[in-house]
Amino acid sequence: VLWEHGLLFDVTELKEAEARVAHLAYH
């Protein structure tokens, strides 16, 4: 690796939404 370039996205809301959907699927 000579150098590295990247992006760090905040996906907290997405993960919380996924958790809610998963919870609703089983609760």
PDB file of all heavy atoms in Angstrom:
ATOM      1  N   VAL A   1       0.841  -1.204   0.000  1.00  0.00           N
ATOM      2  CA  VAL A   1       0.000   0.000   0.000  1.00  0.00           C
ATOM      3  C   VAL A   1       0.868   1.243   0.000  1.00  0.00           C
ATOM      4  O   VAL A   1       1.717   1.431   0.876  1.00  0.00           O
ATOM      5  CB  VAL A   1      -0.931   0.009   1.233  1.00  0.00           C
ATOM      6  CG1 VAL A   1      -1.717   1.314   1.294  1.00  0.00           C
ATOM      7  CG2 VAL A   1      -1.891  -1.174   1.197  1.00  0.00           C
ATOM      8  N   LEU A   2       0.684   2.070  -1.022  1.00  0.00           N
ATOM      9  CA  LEU A   2       1.367   3.364  -1.075  1.00  0.00           C
ATOM     10  C   LEU A   2       0.581   4.391  -0.282  1.00  0.00           C
ATOM     11  O   LEU A   2       1.147   5.159   0.491  1.00  0.00           O
ATOM     12  CB  LEU A   2       1.525   3.817  -2.529  1.00  0.00           C
ATOM     13  CG  LEU A   2       2.393   2.913  -3.414  1.00  0.00           C
ATOM     14  CD1 LEU A   2       2.356   3.397  -4.857  1.00  0.00           C
ATOM     15  CD2 LEU A   2       3.825   2.891  -2.892  1.00  0.00           C
ATOM     16  N   TRP A   3      -0.686   4.424  -0.502  1.00  0.00           N
ATOM     17  CA  TRP A   3      -1.563   5.255   0.303  1.00  0.00           C
ATOM     18  C   TRP A   3      -2.989   4.754   0.170  1.00  0.00           C
ATOM     19  O   TRP A   3      -3.316   4.003  -0.746  1.00  0.00           O
ATOM     20  CB  TRP A   3      -1.453   6.732  -0.045  1.00  0.00           C
ATOM     21  CG  TRP A   3      -1.766   7.116  -1.450  1.00  0.00           C
ATOM     22  CD1 TRP A   3      -0.970   7.001  -2.529  1.00  0.00           C
ATOM     23  CD2 TRP A   3      -2.996   7.695  -1.931  1.00  0.00           C
ATOM     24  NE1 TRP A   3      -1.593   7.468  -3.651  1.00  0.00           N
ATOM     25  CE2 TRP A   3      -2.839   7.901  -3.316  1.00  0.00           C
ATOM     26  CE3 TRP A   3      -4.190   8.053  -1.326  1.00  0.00           C
ATOM     27  CZ2 TRP A   3      -3.834   8.440  -4.107  1.00  0.00           C
ATOM     28  CZ3 TRP A   3      -5.188   8.606  -2.122  1.00  0.00           C
ATOM     29  CH2 TRP A   3      -4.995   8.789  -3.491  1.00  0.00           C
ATOM     30  N   GLU A   4      -3.805   5.164   1.103  1.00  0.00           N
ATOM     31  CA  GLU A   4      -5.170   4.673   1.215  1.00  0.00           C
ATOM     32  C   GLU A   4      -6.117   5.852   1.343  1.00  0.00           C
ATOM     33  O   GLU A   4      -5.817   6.824   2.018  1.00  0.00           O
ATOM     34  CB  GLU A   4      -5.277   3.765   2.450  1.00  0.00           C
ATOM     35  CG  GLU A   4      -6.650   3.192   2.715  1.00  0.00           C
ATOM     36  CD  GLU A   4      -6.675   2.414   4.016  1.00  0.00           C
ATOM     37  OE1 GLU A   4      -5.595   2.056   4.536  1.00  0.00           O
ATOM     38  OE2 GLU A   4      -7.787   2.185   4.535  1.00  0.00           O
ATOM     39  N   HIS A   5      -7.225   5.741   0.664  1.00  0.00           N
ATOM     40  CA  HIS A   5      -8.240   6.794   0.682  1.00  0.00           C
ATOM     41  C   HIS A   5      -9.566   6.136   1.027  1.00  0.00           C
ATOM     42  O   HIS A   5      -9.853   5.030   0.553  1.00  0.00           O
ATOM     43  CB  HIS A   5      -8.312   7.462  -0.691  1.00  0.00           C
ATOM     44  CG  HIS A   5      -9.224   8.649  -0.751  1.00  0.00           C
ATOM     45  ND1 HIS A   5      -8.932   9.835  -0.144  1.00  0.00           N
ATOM     46  CD2 HIS A   5     -10.429   8.812  -1.344  1.00  0.00           C
ATOM     47  CE1 HIS A   5      -9.918  10.700  -0.373  1.00  0.00           C
ATOM     48  NE2 HIS A   5     -10.833  10.090  -1.099  1.00  0.00           N
ATOM     49  N   GLY A   6     -10.368   6.763   1.873  1.00  0.00           N
ATOM     50  CA  GLY A   6     -11.601   6.105   2.264  1.00  0.00           C
ATOM     51  C   GLY A   6     -12.689   7.040   2.730  1.00  0.00           C
ATOM     52  O   GLY A   6     -12.479   8.247   2.914  1.00  0.00           O
ATOM     53  N   LEU A   7     -13.859   6.461   2.902  1.00  0.00           N
ATOM     54  CA  LEU A   7     -15.039   7.178   3.379  1.00  0.00           C
ATOM     55  C   LEU A   7     -15.610   6.422   4.571  1.00  0.00           C
ATOM     56  O   LEU A   7     -15.712   5.189   4.548  1.00  0.00           O
ATOM     57  CB  LEU A   7     -16.106   7.258   2.286  1.00  0.00           C
ATOM     58  CG  LEU A   7     -15.762   8.081   1.038  1.00  0.00           C
ATOM     59  CD1 LEU A   7     -16.793   7.823  -0.053  1.00  0.00           C
ATOM     60  CD2 LEU A   7     -15.719   9.554   1.380  1.00  0.00           C
ATOM     61  N   LEU A   8     -15.982   7.175   5.592  1.00  0.00           N
ATOM     62  CA  LEU A   8     -16.568   6.605   6.805  1.00  0.00           C
ATOM     63  C   LEU A   8     -17.961   7.203   6.953  1.00  0.00           C
ATOM     64  O   LEU A   8     -18.098   8.385   7.259  1.00  0.00           O
ATOM     65  CB  LEU A   8     -15.685   6.940   8.006  1.00  0.00           C
ATOM     66  CG  LEU A   8     -15.798   6.049   9.239  1.00  0.00           C
ATOM     67  CD1 LEU A   8     -15.251   4.656   8.927  1.00  0.00           C
ATOM     68  CD2 LEU A   8     -15.006   6.656  10.391  1.00  0.00           C
ATOM     69  N   PHE A   9     -18.986   6.386   6.711  1.00  0.00           N
ATOM     70  CA  PHE A   9     -20.365   6.854   6.775  1.00  0.00           C
ATOM     71  C   PHE A   9     -20.971   6.523   8.136  1.00  0.00           C
ATOM     72  O   PHE A   9     -20.734   5.445   8.686  1.00  0.00           O
ATOM     73  CB  PHE A   9     -21.219   6.183   5.693  1.00  0.00           C
ATOM     74  CG  PHE A   9     -20.801   6.483   4.289  1.00  0.00           C
ATOM     75  CD1 PHE A   9     -19.901   5.672   3.628  1.00  0.00           C
ATOM     76  CD2 PHE A   9     -21.320   7.584   3.624  1.00  0.00           C
ATOM     77  CE1 PHE A   9     -19.520   5.938   2.326  1.00  0.00           C
ATOM     78  CE2 PHE A   9     -20.944   7.864   2.320  1.00  0.00           C
ATOM     79  CZ  PHE A   9     -20.038   7.045   1.664  1.00  0.00           C
ATOM     80  N   ASP A  10     -21.785   7.431   8.650  1.00  0.00           N
ATOM     81  CA  ASP A  10     -22.549   7.170   9.864  1.00  0.00           C
ATOM     82  C   ASP A  10     -23.833   6.446   9.456  1.00  0.00           C
ATOM     83  O   ASP A  10     -24.706   7.022   8.816  1.00  0.00           O
ATOM     84  CB  ASP A  10     -22.884   8.492  10.568  1.00  0.00           C
ATOM     85  CG  ASP A  10     -23.664   8.297  11.870  1.00  0.00           C
ATOM     86  OD1 ASP A  10     -24.057   7.152  12.162  1.00  0.00           O
ATOM     87  OD2 ASP A  10     -23.870   9.282  12.590  1.00  0.00           O
ATOM     88  N   VAL A  11     -23.942   5.160   9.814  1.00  0.00           N
ATOM     89  CA  VAL A  11     -25.115   4.369   9.433  1.00  0.00           C
ATOM     90  C   VAL A  11     -25.905   3.953  10.681  1.00  0.00           C
ATOM     91  O   VAL A  11     -26.605   2.947  10.671  1.00  0.00           O
ATOM     92  CB  VAL A  11     -24.706   3.130   8.606  1.00  0.00           C
ATOM     93  CG1 VAL A  11     -24.158   3.539   7.258  1.00  0.00           C
ATOM     94  CG2 VAL A  11     -23.695   2.260   9.363  1.00  0.00           C
ATOM     95  N   THR A  12     -25.783   4.748  11.748  1.00  0.00           N
ATOM     96  CA  THR A  12     -26.470   4.417  12.992  1.00  0.00           C
ATOM     97  C   THR A  12     -27.976   4.342  12.799  1.00  0.00           C
ATOM     98  O   THR A  12     -28.633   3.386  13.245  1.00  0.00           O
ATOM     99  CB  THR A  12     -26.127   5.458  14.073  1.00  0.00           C
ATOM    100  OG1 THR A  12     -24.708   5.555  14.210  1.00  0.00           O
ATOM    101  CG2 THR A  12     -26.743   5.068  15.408  1.00  0.00           C
ATOM    102  N   GLU A  13     -28.550   5.331  12.136  1.00  0.00           N
ATOM    103  CA  GLU A  13     -30.002   5.330  11.928  1.00  0.00           C
ATOM    104  C   GLU A  13     -30.433   4.132  11.103  1.00  0.00           C
ATOM    105  O   GLU A  13     -31.479   3.519  11.367  1.00  0.00           O
ATOM    106  CB  GLU A  13     -30.440   6.630  11.253  1.00  0.00           C
ATOM    107  CG  GLU A  13     -30.317   7.863  12.132  1.00  0.00           C
ATOM    108  CD  GLU A  13     -30.898   9.097  11.469  1.00  0.00           C
ATOM    109  OE1 GLU A  13     -31.437   8.968  10.347  1.00  0.00           O
ATOM    110  OE2 GLU A  13     -30.814  10.191  12.059  1.00  0.00           O
ATOM    111  N   LEU A  14     -29.639   3.785  10.091  1.00  0.00           N
ATOM    112  CA  LEU A  14     -29.954   2.618   9.265  1.00  0.00           C
ATOM    113  C   LEU A  14     -29.926   1.341  10.103  1.00  0.00           C
ATOM    114  O   LEU A  14     -30.836   0.507  10.003  1.00  0.00           O
ATOM    115  CB  LEU A  14     -28.962   2.512   8.114  1.00  0.00           C
ATOM    116  CG  LEU A  14     -29.071   1.274   7.227  1.00  0.00           C
ATOM    117  CD1 LEU A  14     -30.432   1.236   6.533  1.00  0.00           C
ATOM    118  CD2 LEU A  14     -27.946   1.240   6.204  1.00  0.00           C
ATOM    119  N   LYS A  15     -28.902   1.194  10.936  1.00  0.00           N
ATOM    120  CA  LYS A  15     -28.799  -0.003  11.775  1.00  0.00           C
ATOM    121  C   LYS A  15     -29.944  -0.064  12.775  1.00  0.00           C
ATOM    122  O   LYS A  15     -30.488  -1.150  13.040  1.00  0.00           O
ATOM    123  CB  LYS A  15     -27.455  -0.005  12.504  1.00  0.00           C
ATOM    124  CG  LYS A  15     -26.258  -0.279  11.606  1.00  0.00           C
ATOM    125  CD  LYS A  15     -26.309  -1.686  11.055  1.00  0.00           C
ATOM    126  CE  LYS A  15     -25.107  -1.995  10.203  1.00  0.00           C
ATOM    127  NZ  LYS A  15     -25.155  -3.388   9.691  1.00  0.00           N
ATOM    128  N   GLU A  16     -30.308   1.062  13.332  1.00  0.00           N
ATOM    129  CA  GLU A  16     -31.424   1.082  14.277  1.00  0.00           C
ATOM    130  C   GLU A  16     -32.732   0.734  13.570  1.00  0.00           C
ATOM    131  O   GLU A  16     -33.582   0.024  14.134  1.00  0.00           O
ATOM    132  CB  GLU A  16     -31.515   2.454  14.936  1.00  0.00           C
ATOM    133  CG  GLU A  16     -30.364   2.743  15.902  1.00  0.00           C
ATOM    134  CD  GLU A  16     -30.396   4.152  16.446  1.00  0.00           C
ATOM    135  OE1 GLU A  16     -31.173   4.976  15.911  1.00  0.00           O
ATOM    136  OE2 GLU A  16     -29.648   4.431  17.409  1.00  0.00           O
ATOM    137  N   ALA A  17     -32.882   1.222  12.335  1.00  0.00           N
ATOM    138  CA  ALA A  17     -34.090   0.885  11.567  1.00  0.00           C
ATOM    139  C   ALA A  17     -34.116  -0.607  11.244  1.00  0.00           C
ATOM    140  O   ALA A  17     -35.170  -1.257  11.332  1.00  0.00           O
ATOM    141  CB  ALA A  17     -34.146   1.708  10.281  1.00  0.00           C
ATOM    142  N   GLU A  18     -32.960  -1.150  10.862  1.00  0.00           N
ATOM    143  CA  GLU A  18     -32.885  -2.583  10.580  1.00  0.00           C
ATOM    144  C   GLU A  18     -33.223  -3.396  11.831  1.00  0.00           C
ATOM    145  O   GLU A  18     -33.909  -4.424  11.749  1.00  0.00           O
ATOM    146  CB  GLU A  18     -31.490  -2.950  10.081  1.00  0.00           C
ATOM    147  CG  GLU A  18     -31.178  -2.421   8.687  1.00  0.00           C
ATOM    148  CD  GLU A  18     -29.748  -2.709   8.281  1.00  0.00           C
ATOM    149  OE1 GLU A  18     -28.949  -3.130   9.154  1.00  0.00           O
ATOM    150  OE2 GLU A  18     -29.419  -2.529   7.087  1.00  0.00           O
ATOM    151  N   ALA A  19     -32.722  -2.932  12.975  1.00  0.00           N
ATOM    152  CA  ALA A  19     -33.008  -3.636  14.229  1.00  0.00           C
ATOM    153  C   ALA A  19     -34.500  -3.593  14.548  1.00  0.00           C
ATOM    154  O   ALA A  19     -35.083  -4.584  15.018  1.00  0.00           O
ATOM    155  CB  ALA A  19     -32.190  -3.028  15.369  1.00  0.00           C
ATOM    156  N   ARG A  20     -35.117  -2.423  14.268  1.00  0.00           N
ATOM    157  CA  ARG A  20     -36.564  -2.319  14.516  1.00  0.00           C
ATOM    158  C   ARG A  20     -37.343  -3.255  13.598  1.00  0.00           C
ATOM    159  O   ARG A  20     -38.302  -3.907  14.024  1.00  0.00           O
ATOM    160  CB  ARG A  20     -37.026  -0.868  14.333  1.00  0.00           C
ATOM    161  CG  ARG A  20     -36.595   0.063  15.451  1.00  0.00           C
ATOM    162  CD  ARG A  20     -37.337   1.375  15.373  1.00  0.00           C
ATOM    163  NE  ARG A  20     -37.005   2.130  14.174  1.00  0.00           N
ATOM    164  CZ  ARG A  20     -36.000   2.997  14.083  1.00  0.00           C
ATOM    165  NH1 ARG A  20     -35.226   3.228  15.129  1.00  0.00           N
ATOM    166  NH2 ARG A  20     -35.771   3.644  12.957  1.00  0.00           N
ATOM    167  N   VAL A  21     -36.923  -3.302  12.334  1.00  0.00           N
ATOM    168  CA  VAL A  21     -37.608  -4.188  11.386  1.00  0.00           C
ATOM    169  C   VAL A  21     -37.435  -5.640  11.814  1.00  0.00           C
ATOM    170  O   VAL A  21     -38.387  -6.437  11.797  1.00  0.00           O
ATOM    171  CB  VAL A  21     -37.055  -3.973   9.959  1.00  0.00           C
ATOM    172  CG1 VAL A  21     -37.581  -5.047   9.016  1.00  0.00           C
ATOM    173  CG2 VAL A  21     -37.443  -2.592   9.442  1.00  0.00           C
ATOM    174  N   ALA A  22     -36.206  -6.006  12.199  1.00  0.00           N
ATOM    175  CA  ALA A  22     -35.949  -7.375  12.646  1.00  0.00           C
ATOM    176  C   ALA A  22     -36.754  -7.692  13.904  1.00  0.00           C
ATOM    177  O   ALA A  22     -37.286  -8.794  14.057  1.00  0.00           O
ATOM    178  CB  ALA A  22     -34.461  -7.575  12.902  1.00  0.00           C
ATOM    179  N   HIS A  23     -36.837  -6.712  14.793  1.00  0.00           N
ATOM    180  CA  HIS A  23     -37.605  -6.923  16.028  1.00  0.00           C
ATOM    181  C   HIS A  23     -39.076  -7.132  15.710  1.00  0.00           C
ATOM    182  O   HIS A  23     -39.732  -8.031  16.264  1.00  0.00           O
ATOM    183  CB  HIS A  23     -37.428  -5.722  16.965  1.00  0.00           C
ATOM    184  CG  HIS A  23     -38.044  -5.909  18.312  1.00  0.00           C
ATOM    185  ND1 HIS A  23     -39.367  -5.585  18.584  1.00  0.00           N
ATOM    186  CD2 HIS A  23     -37.543  -6.407  19.470  1.00  0.00           C
ATOM    187  CE1 HIS A  23     -39.642  -5.871  19.837  1.00  0.00           C
ATOM    188  NE2 HIS A  23     -38.554  -6.366  20.414  1.00  0.00           N
ATOM    189  N   LEU A  24     -39.603  -6.317  14.794  1.00  0.00           N
ATOM    190  CA  LEU A  24     -41.008  -6.451  14.431  1.00  0.00           C
ATOM    191  C   LEU A  24     -41.279  -7.782  13.734  1.00  0.00           C
ATOM    192  O   LEU A  24     -42.373  -8.340  13.846  1.00  0.00           O
ATOM    193  CB  LEU A  24     -41.430  -5.293  13.518  1.00  0.00           C
ATOM    194  CG  LEU A  24     -41.522  -3.915  14.190  1.00  0.00           C
ATOM    195  CD1 LEU A  24     -41.803  -2.847  13.149  1.00  0.00           C
ATOM    196  CD2 LEU A  24     -42.602  -3.915  15.264  1.00  0.00           C
ATOM    197  N   ALA A  25     -40.283  -8.299  13.015  1.00  0.00           N
ATOM    198  CA  ALA A  25     -40.463  -9.570  12.317  1.00  0.00           C
ATOM    199  C   ALA A  25     -40.582 -10.728  13.289  1.00  0.00           C
ATOM    200  O   ALA A  25     -41.176 -11.764  12.966  1.00  0.00           O
ATOM    201  CB  ALA A  25     -39.299  -9.808  11.359  1.00  0.00           C
ATOM    202  N   TYR A  26     -40.032 -10.575  14.490  1.00  0.00           N
ATOM    203  CA  TYR A  26     -40.012 -11.678  15.454  1.00  0.00           C
ATOM    204  C   TYR A  26     -40.675 -11.333  16.784  1.00  0.00           C
ATOM    205  O   TYR A  26     -40.601 -12.131  17.714  1.00  0.00           O
ATOM    206  CB  TYR A  26     -38.570 -12.106  15.714  1.00  0.00           C
ATOM    207  CG  TYR A  26     -37.969 -12.908  14.585  1.00  0.00           C
ATOM    208  CD1 TYR A  26     -37.143 -12.302  13.648  1.00  0.00           C
ATOM    209  CD2 TYR A  26     -38.235 -14.270  14.453  1.00  0.00           C
ATOM    210  CE1 TYR A  26     -36.588 -13.037  12.602  1.00  0.00           C
ATOM    211  CE2 TYR A  26     -37.686 -15.010  13.419  1.00  0.00           C
ATOM    212  CZ  TYR A  26     -36.873 -14.389  12.494  1.00  0.00           C
ATOM    213  OH  TYR A  26     -36.333 -15.122  11.469  1.00  0.00           O
ATOM    214  N   HIS A  27     -41.298 -10.162  16.872  1.00  0.00           N
ATOM    215  CA  HIS A  27     -41.896  -9.762  18.146  1.00  0.00           C
ATOM    216  C   HIS A  27     -43.287  -9.169  17.929  1.00  0.00           C
ATOM    217  O   HIS A  27     -43.593  -8.625  16.861  1.00  0.00           O
ATOM    218  CB  HIS A  27     -40.996  -8.741  18.861  1.00  0.00           C
ATOM    219  CG  HIS A  27     -39.716  -9.331  19.354  1.00  0.00           C
ATOM    220  ND1 HIS A  27     -38.636  -9.525  18.532  1.00  0.00           N
ATOM    221  CD2 HIS A  27     -39.347  -9.779  20.590  1.00  0.00           C
ATOM    222  CE1 HIS A  27     -37.640 -10.066  19.227  1.00  0.00           C
ATOM    223  NE2 HIS A  27     -38.054 -10.236  20.471  1.00  0.00           N
TER     224      HIS A  27
END
